[in-house]
Amino acid sequence: MSTQSQPASGRIAVAGERELVIGYRLLGIEDTFEVSGEEASKTIQELYSSGNFSLIIASDAVRSSLPAVFRKKIEASIEPLVLFMPAMEGNIQEESIAALAKRVLGISIPTS
């Protein structure tokens, strides 16, 4: 008999700048947090350790506010899955689907 922990409830949390948060609120996501700076790091760490969320979406600005050790931990996590979204303005760096799958899922997608 397996003693795996029960998966999170399937809830989604979003943390980041106003523009990101408002978009997800309009989609019906209730757990949204408008944060920046040190508050952003604290909020993400609380969301991650709460065990209440299956998916946490945060902005790249939130990502850069995290301590390096914690950032590496959550980037490797699949439960909850933590995704970082690029800023909605300025110079947006695109990440290929193959690179995203490698970083988030740990799998390589062959390209033709």
PDB file of N, CA and C in Angstrom:
ATOM      1  N   MET A   1       0.841  -1.182   0.000  1.00  0.00           N
ATOM      2  CA  MET A   1       0.000   0.000   0.000  1.00  0.00           C
ATOM      3  C   MET A   1       0.881   1.239   0.000  1.00  0.00           C
ATOM      4  N   SER A   2       0.582   2.158  -0.884  1.00  0.00           N
ATOM      5  CA  SER A   2       1.377   3.368  -1.024  1.00  0.00           C
ATOM      6  C   SER A   2       1.058   4.369   0.073  1.00  0.00           C
ATOM      7  N   THR A   3       2.081   5.071   0.527  1.00  0.00           N
ATOM      8  CA  THR A   3       1.874   6.095   1.556  1.00  0.00           C
ATOM      9  C   THR A   3       2.129   7.480   0.987  1.00  0.00           C
ATOM     10  N   GLN A   4       1.856   7.642  -0.313  1.00  0.00           N
ATOM     11  CA  GLN A   4       2.051   8.945  -0.930  1.00  0.00           C
ATOM     12  C   GLN A   4       1.089   9.949  -0.320  1.00  0.00           C
ATOM     13  N   SER A   5       1.549  11.211  -0.274  1.00  0.00           N
ATOM     14  CA  SER A   5       0.665  12.252   0.230  1.00  0.00           C
ATOM     15  C   SER A   5      -0.443  12.513  -0.790  1.00  0.00           C
ATOM     16  N   GLN A   6      -1.568  12.947  -0.304  1.00  0.00           N
ATOM     17  CA  GLN A   6      -2.689  13.251  -1.176  1.00  0.00           C
ATOM     18  C   GLN A   6      -2.372  14.481  -2.014  1.00  0.00           C
ATOM     19  N   PRO A   7      -2.776  14.502  -3.282  1.00  0.00           N
ATOM     20  CA  PRO A   7      -2.504  15.664  -4.111  1.00  0.00           C
ATOM     21  C   PRO A   7      -3.286  16.878  -3.609  1.00  0.00           C
ATOM     22  N   ALA A   8      -2.788  18.045  -3.942  1.00  0.00           N
ATOM     23  CA  ALA A   8      -3.472  19.280  -3.561  1.00  0.00           C
ATOM     24  C   ALA A   8      -4.856  19.307  -4.193  1.00  0.00           C
ATOM     25  N   SER A   9      -5.647  20.229  -3.772  1.00  0.00           N
ATOM     26  CA  SER A   9      -7.058  20.271  -4.129  1.00  0.00           C
ATOM     27  C   SER A   9      -7.358  20.647  -5.570  1.00  0.00           C
ATOM     28  N   GLY A  10      -6.367  20.955  -6.362  1.00  0.00           N
ATOM     29  CA  GLY A  10      -6.621  21.390  -7.729  1.00  0.00           C
ATOM     30  C   GLY A  10      -6.794  22.890  -7.829  1.00  0.00           C
ATOM     31  N   ARG A  11      -6.601  23.579  -6.733  1.00  0.00           N
ATOM     32  CA  ARG A  11      -6.738  25.040  -6.732  1.00  0.00           C
ATOM     33  C   ARG A  11      -5.544  25.691  -7.409  1.00  0.00           C
ATOM     34  N   ILE A  12      -5.795  26.872  -7.962  1.00  0.00           N
ATOM     35  CA  ILE A  12      -4.768  27.656  -8.639  1.00  0.00           C
ATOM     36  C   ILE A  12      -4.584  28.970  -7.889  1.00  0.00           C
ATOM     37  N   ALA A  13      -3.328  29.352  -7.709  1.00  0.00           N
ATOM     38  CA  ALA A  13      -3.011  30.651  -7.108  1.00  0.00           C
ATOM     39  C   ALA A  13      -2.187  31.447  -8.111  1.00  0.00           C
ATOM     40  N   VAL A  14      -2.391  32.754  -8.104  1.00  0.00           N
ATOM     41  CA  VAL A  14      -1.655  33.643  -8.995  1.00  0.00           C
ATOM     42  C   VAL A  14      -1.073  34.779  -8.160  1.00  0.00           C
ATOM     43  N   ALA A  15       0.211  35.063  -8.363  1.00  0.00           N
ATOM     44  CA  ALA A  15       0.862  36.146  -7.622  1.00  0.00           C
ATOM     45  C   ALA A  15       1.734  36.951  -8.573  1.00  0.00           C
ATOM     46  N   GLY A  16       1.608  38.262  -8.469  1.00  0.00           N
ATOM     47  CA  GLY A  16       2.432  39.111  -9.324  1.00  0.00           C
ATOM     48  C   GLY A  16       1.902  40.511  -9.425  1.00  0.00           C
ATOM     49  N   GLU A  17       2.287  41.176 -10.504  1.00  0.00           N
ATOM     50  CA  GLU A  17       1.887  42.553 -10.725  1.00  0.00           C
ATOM     51  C   GLU A  17       0.393  42.644 -11.028  1.00  0.00           C
ATOM     52  N   ARG A  18      -0.108  43.832 -10.907  1.00  0.00           N
ATOM     53  CA  ARG A  18      -1.538  44.098 -11.083  1.00  0.00           C
ATOM     54  C   ARG A  18      -2.068  43.569 -12.418  1.00  0.00           C
ATOM     55  N   GLU A  19      -1.331  43.795 -13.501  1.00  0.00           N
ATOM     56  CA  GLU A  19      -1.782  43.393 -14.835  1.00  0.00           C
ATOM     57  C   GLU A  19      -1.979  41.879 -14.925  1.00  0.00           C
ATOM     58  N   LEU A  20      -1.057  41.119 -14.364  1.00  0.00           N
ATOM     59  CA  LEU A  20      -1.147  39.658 -14.376  1.00  0.00           C
ATOM     60  C   LEU A  20      -2.320  39.186 -13.524  1.00  0.00           C
ATOM     61  N   VAL A  21      -2.420  39.725 -12.339  1.00  0.00           N
ATOM     62  CA  VAL A  21      -3.442  39.303 -11.380  1.00  0.00           C
ATOM     63  C   VAL A  21      -4.849  39.604 -11.892  1.00  0.00           C
ATOM     64  N   ILE A  22      -5.042  40.775 -12.451  1.00  0.00           N
ATOM     65  CA  ILE A  22      -6.372  41.154 -12.951  1.00  0.00           C
ATOM     66  C   ILE A  22      -6.838  40.203 -14.051  1.00  0.00           C
ATOM     67  N   GLY A  23      -5.942  39.831 -14.942  1.00  0.00           N
ATOM     68  CA  GLY A  23      -6.294  38.909 -16.022  1.00  0.00           C
ATOM     69  C   GLY A  23      -6.835  37.592 -15.489  1.00  0.00           C
ATOM     70  N   TYR A  24      -6.185  37.045 -14.485  1.00  0.00           N
ATOM     71  CA  TYR A  24      -6.634  35.780 -13.912  1.00  0.00           C
ATOM     72  C   TYR A  24      -7.898  35.938 -13.079  1.00  0.00           C
ATOM     73  N   ARG A  25      -8.064  37.084 -12.432  1.00  0.00           N
ATOM     74  CA  ARG A  25      -9.322  37.344 -11.707  1.00  0.00           C
ATOM     75  C   ARG A  25     -10.495  37.339 -12.683  1.00  0.00           C
ATOM     76  N   LEU A  26     -10.287  37.939 -13.856  1.00  0.00           N
ATOM     77  CA  LEU A  26     -11.340  37.972 -14.871  1.00  0.00           C
ATOM     78  C   LEU A  26     -11.682  36.575 -15.376  1.00  0.00           C
ATOM     79  N   LEU A  27     -10.726  35.662 -15.311  1.00  0.00           N
ATOM     80  CA  LEU A  27     -10.967  34.279 -15.719  1.00  0.00           C
ATOM     81  C   LEU A  27     -11.644  33.458 -14.622  1.00  0.00           C
ATOM     82  N   GLY A  28     -11.800  34.063 -13.437  1.00  0.00           N
ATOM     83  CA  GLY A  28     -12.491  33.368 -12.355  1.00  0.00           C
ATOM     84  C   GLY A  28     -11.581  32.761 -11.304  1.00  0.00           C
ATOM     85  N   ILE A  29     -10.282  33.010 -11.383  1.00  0.00           N
ATOM     86  CA  ILE A  29      -9.358  32.517 -10.362  1.00  0.00           C
ATOM     87  C   ILE A  29      -9.522  33.393  -9.125  1.00  0.00           C
ATOM     88  N   GLU A  30      -9.892  32.770  -8.014  1.00  0.00           N
ATOM     89  CA  GLU A  30     -10.157  33.530  -6.789  1.00  0.00           C
ATOM     90  C   GLU A  30      -8.905  33.839  -5.975  1.00  0.00           C
ATOM     91  N   ASP A  31      -7.948  32.924  -5.966  1.00  0.00           N
ATOM     92  CA  ASP A  31      -6.754  33.092  -5.145  1.00  0.00           C
ATOM     93  C   ASP A  31      -5.687  33.860  -5.912  1.00  0.00           C
ATOM     94  N   THR A  32      -5.857  35.186  -5.966  1.00  0.00           N
ATOM     95  CA  THR A  32      -4.903  36.042  -6.660  1.00  0.00           C
ATOM     96  C   THR A  32      -4.291  37.009  -5.650  1.00  0.00           C
ATOM     97  N   PHE A  33      -3.011  37.282  -5.834  1.00  0.00           N
ATOM     98  CA  PHE A  33      -2.287  38.113  -4.887  1.00  0.00           C
ATOM     99  C   PHE A  33      -1.442  39.129  -5.646  1.00  0.00           C
ATOM    100  N   GLU A  34      -1.777  40.395  -5.471  1.00  0.00           N
ATOM    101  CA  GLU A  34      -1.026  41.475  -6.094  1.00  0.00           C
ATOM    102  C   GLU A  34       0.151  41.786  -5.173  1.00  0.00           C
ATOM    103  N   VAL A  35       1.360  41.433  -5.615  1.00  0.00           N
ATOM    104  CA  VAL A  35       2.533  41.554  -4.755  1.00  0.00           C
ATOM    105  C   VAL A  35       3.738  42.085  -5.526  1.00  0.00           C
ATOM    106  N   SER A  36       4.708  42.587  -4.768  1.00  0.00           N
ATOM    107  CA  SER A  36       5.983  43.011  -5.351  1.00  0.00           C
ATOM    108  C   SER A  36       7.049  42.990  -4.267  1.00  0.00           C
ATOM    109  N   GLY A  37       8.294  42.959  -4.691  1.00  0.00           N
ATOM    110  CA  GLY A  37       9.419  43.024  -3.773  1.00  0.00           C
ATOM    111  C   GLY A  37       9.474  41.903  -2.756  1.00  0.00           C
ATOM    112  N   GLU A  38       9.848  42.266  -1.538  1.00  0.00           N
ATOM    113  CA  GLU A  38       9.998  41.281  -0.462  1.00  0.00           C
ATOM    114  C   GLU A  38       8.677  40.589  -0.136  1.00  0.00           C
ATOM    115  N   GLU A  39       7.582  41.320  -0.261  1.00  0.00           N
ATOM    116  CA  GLU A  39       6.252  40.744  -0.025  1.00  0.00           C
ATOM    117  C   GLU A  39       5.978  39.602  -1.004  1.00  0.00           C
ATOM    118  N   ALA A  40       6.459  39.742  -2.236  1.00  0.00           N
ATOM    119  CA  ALA A  40       6.249  38.711  -3.259  1.00  0.00           C
ATOM    120  C   ALA A  40       6.932  37.407  -2.855  1.00  0.00           C
ATOM    121  N   SER A  41       8.158  37.500  -2.396  1.00  0.00           N
ATOM    122  CA  SER A  41       8.898  36.319  -1.980  1.00  0.00           C
ATOM    123  C   SER A  41       8.198  35.613  -0.823  1.00  0.00           C
ATOM    124  N   LYS A  42       7.765  36.371   0.145  1.00  0.00           N
ATOM    125  CA  LYS A  42       7.077  35.808   1.313  1.00  0.00           C
ATOM    126  C   LYS A  42       5.775  35.131   0.885  1.00  0.00           C
ATOM    127  N   THR A  43       5.012  35.771   0.013  1.00  0.00           N
ATOM    128  CA  THR A  43       3.727  35.224  -0.438  1.00  0.00           C
ATOM    129  C   THR A  43       3.925  33.908  -1.184  1.00  0.00           C
ATOM    130  N   ILE A  44       4.883  33.852  -2.097  1.00  0.00           N
ATOM    131  CA  ILE A  44       5.130  32.626  -2.861  1.00  0.00           C
ATOM    132  C   ILE A  44       5.552  31.497  -1.930  1.00  0.00           C
ATOM    133  N   GLN A  45       6.411  31.789  -0.987  1.00  0.00           N
ATOM    134  CA  GLN A  45       6.851  30.754  -0.058  1.00  0.00           C
ATOM    135  C   GLN A  45       5.680  30.221   0.770  1.00  0.00           C
ATOM    136  N   GLU A  46       4.765  31.105   1.184  1.00  0.00           N
ATOM    137  CA  GLU A  46       3.580  30.677   1.936  1.00  0.00           C
ATOM    138  C   GLU A  46       2.646  29.838   1.067  1.00  0.00           C
ATOM    139  N   LEU A  47       2.410  30.265  -0.163  1.00  0.00           N
ATOM    140  CA  LEU A  47       1.540  29.515  -1.077  1.00  0.00           C
ATOM    141  C   LEU A  47       2.114  28.135  -1.343  1.00  0.00           C
ATOM    142  N   TYR A  48       3.407  28.081  -1.587  1.00  0.00           N
ATOM    143  CA  TYR A  48       4.079  26.827  -1.902  1.00  0.00           C
ATOM    144  C   TYR A  48       3.998  25.839  -0.740  1.00  0.00           C
ATOM    145  N   SER A  49       4.252  26.314   0.460  1.00  0.00           N
ATOM    146  CA  SER A  49       4.291  25.408   1.615  1.00  0.00           C
ATOM    147  C   SER A  49       2.913  25.108   2.199  1.00  0.00           C
ATOM    148  N   SER A  50       1.881  25.819   1.756  1.00  0.00           N
ATOM    149  CA  SER A  50       0.537  25.622   2.325  1.00  0.00           C
ATOM    150  C   SER A  50      -0.063  24.261   1.977  1.00  0.00           C
ATOM    151  N   GLY A  51       0.298  23.709   0.813  1.00  0.00           N
ATOM    152  CA  GLY A  51      -0.282  22.439   0.385  1.00  0.00           C
ATOM    153  C   GLY A  51      -1.701  22.589  -0.151  1.00  0.00           C
ATOM    154  N   ASN A  52      -2.156  23.813  -0.325  1.00  0.00           N
ATOM    155  CA  ASN A  52      -3.526  24.068  -0.789  1.00  0.00           C
ATOM    156  C   ASN A  52      -3.657  24.221  -2.299  1.00  0.00           C
ATOM    157  N   PHE A  53      -2.544  24.268  -3.018  1.00  0.00           N
ATOM    158  CA  PHE A  53      -2.595  24.585  -4.440  1.00  0.00           C
ATOM    159  C   PHE A  53      -1.883  23.532  -5.280  1.00  0.00           C
ATOM    160  N   SER A  54      -2.467  23.235  -6.442  1.00  0.00           N
ATOM    161  CA  SER A  54      -1.840  22.330  -7.403  1.00  0.00           C
ATOM    162  C   SER A  54      -0.990  23.106  -8.396  1.00  0.00           C
ATOM    163  N   LEU A  55      -1.371  24.360  -8.642  1.00  0.00           N
ATOM    164  CA  LEU A  55      -0.675  25.201  -9.604  1.00  0.00           C
ATOM    165  C   LEU A  55      -0.517  26.599  -9.025  1.00  0.00           C
ATOM    166  N   ILE A  56       0.708  27.118  -9.089  1.00  0.00           N
ATOM    167  CA  ILE A  56       0.976  28.493  -8.672  1.00  0.00           C
ATOM    168  C   ILE A  56       1.582  29.202  -9.878  1.00  0.00           C
ATOM    169  N   ILE A  57       0.937  30.284 -10.289  1.00  0.00           N
ATOM    170  CA  ILE A  57       1.415  31.079 -11.413  1.00  0.00           C
ATOM    171  C   ILE A  57       1.937  32.386 -10.836  1.00  0.00           C
ATOM    172  N   ALA A  58       3.155  32.737 -11.209  1.00  0.00           N
ATOM    173  CA  ALA A  58       3.759  33.973 -10.705  1.00  0.00           C
ATOM    174  C   ALA A  58       4.480  34.674 -11.848  1.00  0.00           C
ATOM    175  N   SER A  59       4.712  35.954 -11.669  1.00  0.00           N
ATOM    176  CA  SER A  59       5.415  36.721 -12.691  1.00  0.00           C
ATOM    177  C   SER A  59       6.921  36.503 -12.575  1.00  0.00           C
ATOM    178  N   ASP A  60       7.641  36.830 -13.635  1.00  0.00           N
ATOM    179  CA  ASP A  60       9.094  36.736 -13.614  1.00  0.00           C
ATOM    180  C   ASP A  60       9.691  37.669 -12.569  1.00  0.00           C
ATOM    181  N   ALA A  61       9.027  38.797 -12.302  1.00  0.00           N
ATOM    182  CA  ALA A  61       9.512  39.723 -11.271  1.00  0.00           C
ATOM    183  C   ALA A  61       9.472  39.055  -9.898  1.00  0.00           C
ATOM    184  N   VAL A  62       8.436  38.262  -9.650  1.00  0.00           N
ATOM    185  CA  VAL A  62       8.347  37.514  -8.398  1.00  0.00           C
ATOM    186  C   VAL A  62       9.477  36.495  -8.353  1.00  0.00           C
ATOM    187  N   ARG A  63       9.705  35.825  -9.456  1.00  0.00           N
ATOM    188  CA  ARG A  63      10.782  34.825  -9.533  1.00  0.00           C
ATOM    189  C   ARG A  63      12.119  35.428  -9.142  1.00  0.00           C
ATOM    190  N   SER A  64      12.414  36.619  -9.652  1.00  0.00           N
ATOM    191  CA  SER A  64      13.709  37.235  -9.367  1.00  0.00           C
ATOM    192  C   SER A  64      13.814  37.726  -7.924  1.00  0.00           C
ATOM    193  N   SER A  65      12.697  37.838  -7.220  1.00  0.00           N
ATOM    194  CA  SER A  65      12.735  38.270  -5.817  1.00  0.00           C
ATOM    195  C   SER A  65      12.985  37.104  -4.859  1.00  0.00           C
ATOM    196  N   LEU A  66      12.945  35.878  -5.366  1.00  0.00           N
ATOM    197  CA  LEU A  66      13.093  34.696  -4.510  1.00  0.00           C
ATOM    198  C   LEU A  66      14.563  34.393  -4.216  1.00  0.00           C
ATOM    199  N   PRO A  67      14.845  33.901  -3.004  1.00  0.00           N
ATOM    200  CA  PRO A  67      16.210  33.446  -2.722  1.00  0.00           C
ATOM    201  C   PRO A  67      16.579  32.313  -3.682  1.00  0.00           C
ATOM    202  N   ALA A  68      17.826  32.265  -4.116  1.00  0.00           N
ATOM    203  CA  ALA A  68      18.272  31.305  -5.128  1.00  0.00           C
ATOM    204  C   ALA A  68      17.966  29.855  -4.763  1.00  0.00           C
ATOM    205  N   VAL A  69      18.185  29.473  -3.518  1.00  0.00           N
ATOM    206  CA  VAL A  69      17.957  28.090  -3.101  1.00  0.00           C
ATOM    207  C   VAL A  69      16.474  27.733  -3.216  1.00  0.00           C
ATOM    208  N   PHE A  70      15.600  28.630  -2.773  1.00  0.00           N
ATOM    209  CA  PHE A  70      14.167  28.374  -2.857  1.00  0.00           C
ATOM    210  C   PHE A  70      13.705  28.367  -4.309  1.00  0.00           C
ATOM    211  N   ARG A  71      14.252  29.271  -5.126  1.00  0.00           N
ATOM    212  CA  ARG A  71      13.888  29.330  -6.543  1.00  0.00           C
ATOM    213  C   ARG A  71      14.202  28.005  -7.231  1.00  0.00           C
ATOM    214  N   LYS A  72      15.373  27.441  -6.973  1.00  0.00           N
ATOM    215  CA  LYS A  72      15.737  26.153  -7.576  1.00  0.00           C
ATOM    216  C   LYS A  72      14.789  25.053  -7.108  1.00  0.00           C
ATOM    217  N   LYS A  73      14.406  25.095  -5.850  1.00  0.00           N
ATOM    218  CA  LYS A  73      13.504  24.077  -5.295  1.00  0.00           C
ATOM    219  C   LYS A  73      12.149  24.119  -6.005  1.00  0.00           C
ATOM    220  N   ILE A  74      11.567  25.313  -6.151  1.00  0.00           N
ATOM    221  CA  ILE A  74      10.229  25.370  -6.748  1.00  0.00           C
ATOM    222  C   ILE A  74      10.264  25.192  -8.256  1.00  0.00           C
ATOM    223  N   GLU A  75      11.372  25.534  -8.898  1.00  0.00           N
ATOM    224  CA  GLU A  75      11.468  25.299 -10.343  1.00  0.00           C
ATOM    225  C   GLU A  75      11.515  23.809 -10.646  1.00  0.00           C
ATOM    226  N   ALA A  76      11.967  23.012  -9.700  1.00  0.00           N
ATOM    227  CA  ALA A  76      12.034  21.565  -9.881  1.00  0.00           C
ATOM    228  C   ALA A  76      10.773  20.862  -9.380  1.00  0.00           C
ATOM    229  N   SER A  77       9.893  21.595  -8.744  1.00  0.00           N
ATOM    230  CA  SER A  77       8.696  21.012  -8.137  1.00  0.00           C
ATOM    231  C   SER A  77       7.619  20.699  -9.181  1.00  0.00           C
ATOM    232  N   ILE A  78       6.943  19.574  -8.969  1.00  0.00           N
ATOM    233  CA  ILE A  78       5.780  19.276  -9.805  1.00  0.00           C
ATOM    234  C   ILE A  78       4.504  19.242  -8.970  1.00  0.00           C
ATOM    235  N   GLU A  79       4.641  19.253  -7.659  1.00  0.00           N
ATOM    236  CA  GLU A  79       3.467  19.278  -6.790  1.00  0.00           C
ATOM    237  C   GLU A  79       3.737  20.164  -5.590  1.00  0.00           C
ATOM    238  N   PRO A  80       3.338  21.407  -5.613  1.00  0.00           N
ATOM    239  CA  PRO A  80       2.606  22.067  -6.692  1.00  0.00           C
ATOM    240  C   PRO A  80       3.532  22.458  -7.847  1.00  0.00           C
ATOM    241  N   LEU A  81       2.944  22.592  -9.006  1.00  0.00           N
ATOM    242  CA  LEU A  81       3.661  23.061 -10.177  1.00  0.00           C
ATOM    243  C   LEU A  81       3.698  24.584 -10.107  1.00  0.00           C
ATOM    244  N   VAL A  82       4.867  25.164 -10.258  1.00  0.00           N
ATOM    245  CA  VAL A  82       5.016  26.615 -10.213  1.00  0.00           C
ATOM    246  C   VAL A  82       5.479  27.084 -11.583  1.00  0.00           C
ATOM    247  N   LEU A  83       4.682  27.949 -12.198  1.00  0.00           N
ATOM    248  CA  LEU A  83       5.000  28.499 -13.516  1.00  0.00           C
ATOM    249  C   LEU A  83       5.244  29.988 -13.395  1.00  0.00           C
ATOM    250  N   PHE A  84       6.256  30.472 -14.089  1.00  0.00           N
ATOM    251  CA  PHE A  84       6.563  31.900 -14.083  1.00  0.00           C
ATOM    252  C   PHE A  84       6.213  32.488 -15.437  1.00  0.00           C
ATOM    253  N   MET A  85       5.457  33.579 -15.409  1.00  0.00           N
ATOM    254  CA  MET A  85       4.993  34.240 -16.620  1.00  0.00           C
ATOM    255  C   MET A  85       5.842  35.477 -16.891  1.00  0.00           C
ATOM    256  N   PRO A  86       6.190  35.715 -18.167  1.00  0.00           N
ATOM    257  CA  PRO A  86       6.950  36.930 -18.494  1.00  0.00           C
ATOM    258  C   PRO A  86       6.095  38.169 -18.301  1.00  0.00           C
ATOM    259  N   ALA A  87       6.755  39.300 -18.134  1.00  0.00           N
ATOM    260  CA  ALA A  87       6.059  40.576 -17.961  1.00  0.00           C
ATOM    261  C   ALA A  87       5.229  40.893 -19.194  1.00  0.00           C
ATOM    262  N   MET A  88       4.171  41.645 -18.996  1.00  0.00           N
ATOM    263  CA  MET A  88       3.281  42.001 -20.090  1.00  0.00           C
ATOM    264  C   MET A  88       3.776  43.217 -20.874  1.00  0.00           C
ATOM    265  N   GLU A  89       4.914  43.754 -20.492  1.00  0.00           N
ATOM    266  CA  GLU A  89       5.409  44.957 -21.146  1.00  0.00           C
ATOM    267  C   GLU A  89       6.914  44.858 -21.345  1.00  0.00           C
ATOM    268  N   GLY A  90       7.469  45.763 -22.129  1.00  0.00           N
ATOM    269  CA  GLY A  90       8.911  45.803 -22.299  1.00  0.00           C
ATOM    270  C   GLY A  90       9.435  44.680 -23.165  1.00  0.00           C
ATOM    271  N   ASN A  91      10.678  44.297 -22.926  1.00  0.00           N
ATOM    272  CA  ASN A  91      11.359  43.279 -23.710  1.00  0.00           C
ATOM    273  C   ASN A  91      11.009  41.895 -23.175  1.00  0.00           C
ATOM    274  N   ILE A  92      10.150  41.184 -23.869  1.00  0.00           N
ATOM    275  CA  ILE A  92       9.716  39.860 -23.438  1.00  0.00           C
ATOM    276  C   ILE A  92      10.632  38.825 -24.080  1.00  0.00           C
ATOM    277  N   GLN A  93      11.256  38.018 -23.243  1.00  0.00           N
ATOM    278  CA  GLN A  93      12.092  36.943 -23.761  1.00  0.00           C
ATOM    279  C   GLN A  93      11.237  35.701 -23.881  1.00  0.00           C
ATOM    280  N   GLU A  94      11.224  35.131 -25.064  1.00  0.00           N
ATOM    281  CA  GLU A  94      10.416  33.939 -25.290  1.00  0.00           C
ATOM    282  C   GLU A  94      11.218  32.690 -24.978  1.00  0.00           C
ATOM    283  N   GLU A  95      10.527  31.705 -24.430  1.00  0.00           N
ATOM    284  CA  GLU A  95      11.137  30.418 -24.147  1.00  0.00           C
ATOM    285  C   GLU A  95      10.437  29.399 -25.033  1.00  0.00           C
ATOM    286  N   SER A  96      11.215  28.613 -25.753  1.00  0.00           N
ATOM    287  CA  SER A  96      10.608  27.647 -26.650  1.00  0.00           C
ATOM    288  C   SER A  96       9.843  26.591 -25.861  1.00  0.00           C
ATOM    289  N   ILE A  97       8.897  25.947 -26.514  1.00  0.00           N
ATOM    290  CA  ILE A  97       8.126  24.874 -25.883  1.00  0.00           C
ATOM    291  C   ILE A  97       9.069  23.775 -25.413  1.00  0.00           C
ATOM    292  N   ALA A  98      10.068  23.454 -26.218  1.00  0.00           N
ATOM    293  CA  ALA A  98      11.022  22.407 -25.845  1.00  0.00           C
ATOM    294  C   ALA A  98      11.795  22.791 -24.589  1.00  0.00           C
ATOM    295  N   ALA A  99      12.254  24.048 -24.506  1.00  0.00           N
ATOM    296  CA  ALA A  99      13.000  24.501 -23.325  1.00  0.00           C
ATOM    297  C   ALA A  99      12.096  24.541 -22.097  1.00  0.00           C
ATOM    298  N   LEU A 100      10.848  24.977 -22.285  1.00  0.00           N
ATOM    299  CA  LEU A 100       9.893  25.024 -21.175  1.00  0.00           C
ATOM    300  C   LEU A 100       9.603  23.616 -20.655  1.00  0.00           C
ATOM    301  N   ALA A 101       9.393  22.666 -21.555  1.00  0.00           N
ATOM    302  CA  ALA A 101       9.131  21.282 -21.138  1.00  0.00           C
ATOM    303  C   ALA A 101      10.334  20.709 -20.395  1.00  0.00           C
ATOM    304  N   LYS A 102      11.515  21.021 -20.869  1.00  0.00           N
ATOM    305  CA  LYS A 102      12.733  20.525 -20.211  1.00  0.00           C
ATOM    306  C   LYS A 102      12.846  21.107 -18.797  1.00  0.00           C
ATOM    307  N   ARG A 103      12.586  22.414 -18.652  1.00  0.00           N
ATOM    308  CA  ARG A 103      12.706  23.072 -17.346  1.00  0.00           C
ATOM    309  C   ARG A 103      11.605  22.660 -16.397  1.00  0.00           C
ATOM    310  N   VAL A 104      10.366  22.639 -16.866  1.00  0.00           N
ATOM    311  CA  VAL A 104       9.221  22.388 -15.987  1.00  0.00           C
ATOM    312  C   VAL A 104       8.980  20.907 -15.758  1.00  0.00           C
ATOM    313  N   LEU A 105       9.015  20.128 -16.821  1.00  0.00           N
ATOM    314  CA  LEU A 105       8.675  18.714 -16.714  1.00  0.00           C
ATOM    315  C   LEU A 105       9.888  17.788 -16.636  1.00  0.00           C
ATOM    316  N   GLY A 106      11.044  18.308 -17.021  1.00  0.00           N
ATOM    317  CA  GLY A 106      12.242  17.489 -16.980  1.00  0.00           C
ATOM    318  C   GLY A 106      12.332  16.496 -18.124  1.00  0.00           C
ATOM    319  N   ILE A 107      11.635  16.785 -19.228  1.00  0.00           N
ATOM    320  CA  ILE A 107      11.673  15.893 -20.386  1.00  0.00           C
ATOM    321  C   ILE A 107      12.167  16.666 -21.613  1.00  0.00           C
ATOM    322  N   SER A 108      12.800  15.947 -22.507  1.00  0.00           N
ATOM    323  CA  SER A 108      13.259  16.561 -23.757  1.00  0.00           C
ATOM    324  C   SER A 108      12.273  16.226 -24.858  1.00  0.00           C
ATOM    325  N   ILE A 109      11.897  17.242 -25.606  1.00  0.00           N
ATOM    326  CA  ILE A 109      11.012  17.055 -26.750  1.00  0.00           C
ATOM    327  C   ILE A 109      11.882  17.107 -27.995  1.00  0.00           C
ATOM    328  N   PRO A 110      11.898  16.023 -28.772  1.00  0.00           N
ATOM    329  CA  PRO A 110      12.734  16.036 -29.976  1.00  0.00           C
ATOM    330  C   PRO A 110      12.206  17.048 -30.986  1.00  0.00           C
ATOM    331  N   THR A 111      13.117  17.751 -31.620  1.00  0.00           N
ATOM    332  CA  THR A 111      12.731  18.693 -32.680  1.00  0.00           C
ATOM    333  C   THR A 111      13.184  18.106 -34.005  1.00  0.00           C
ATOM    334  N   SER A 112      12.400  18.363 -35.035  1.00  0.00           N
ATOM    335  CA  SER A 112      12.703  17.767 -36.338  1.00  0.00           C
ATOM    336  C   SER A 112      13.907  18.328 -36.972  1.00  0.00           C
TER     337      SER A 112
END
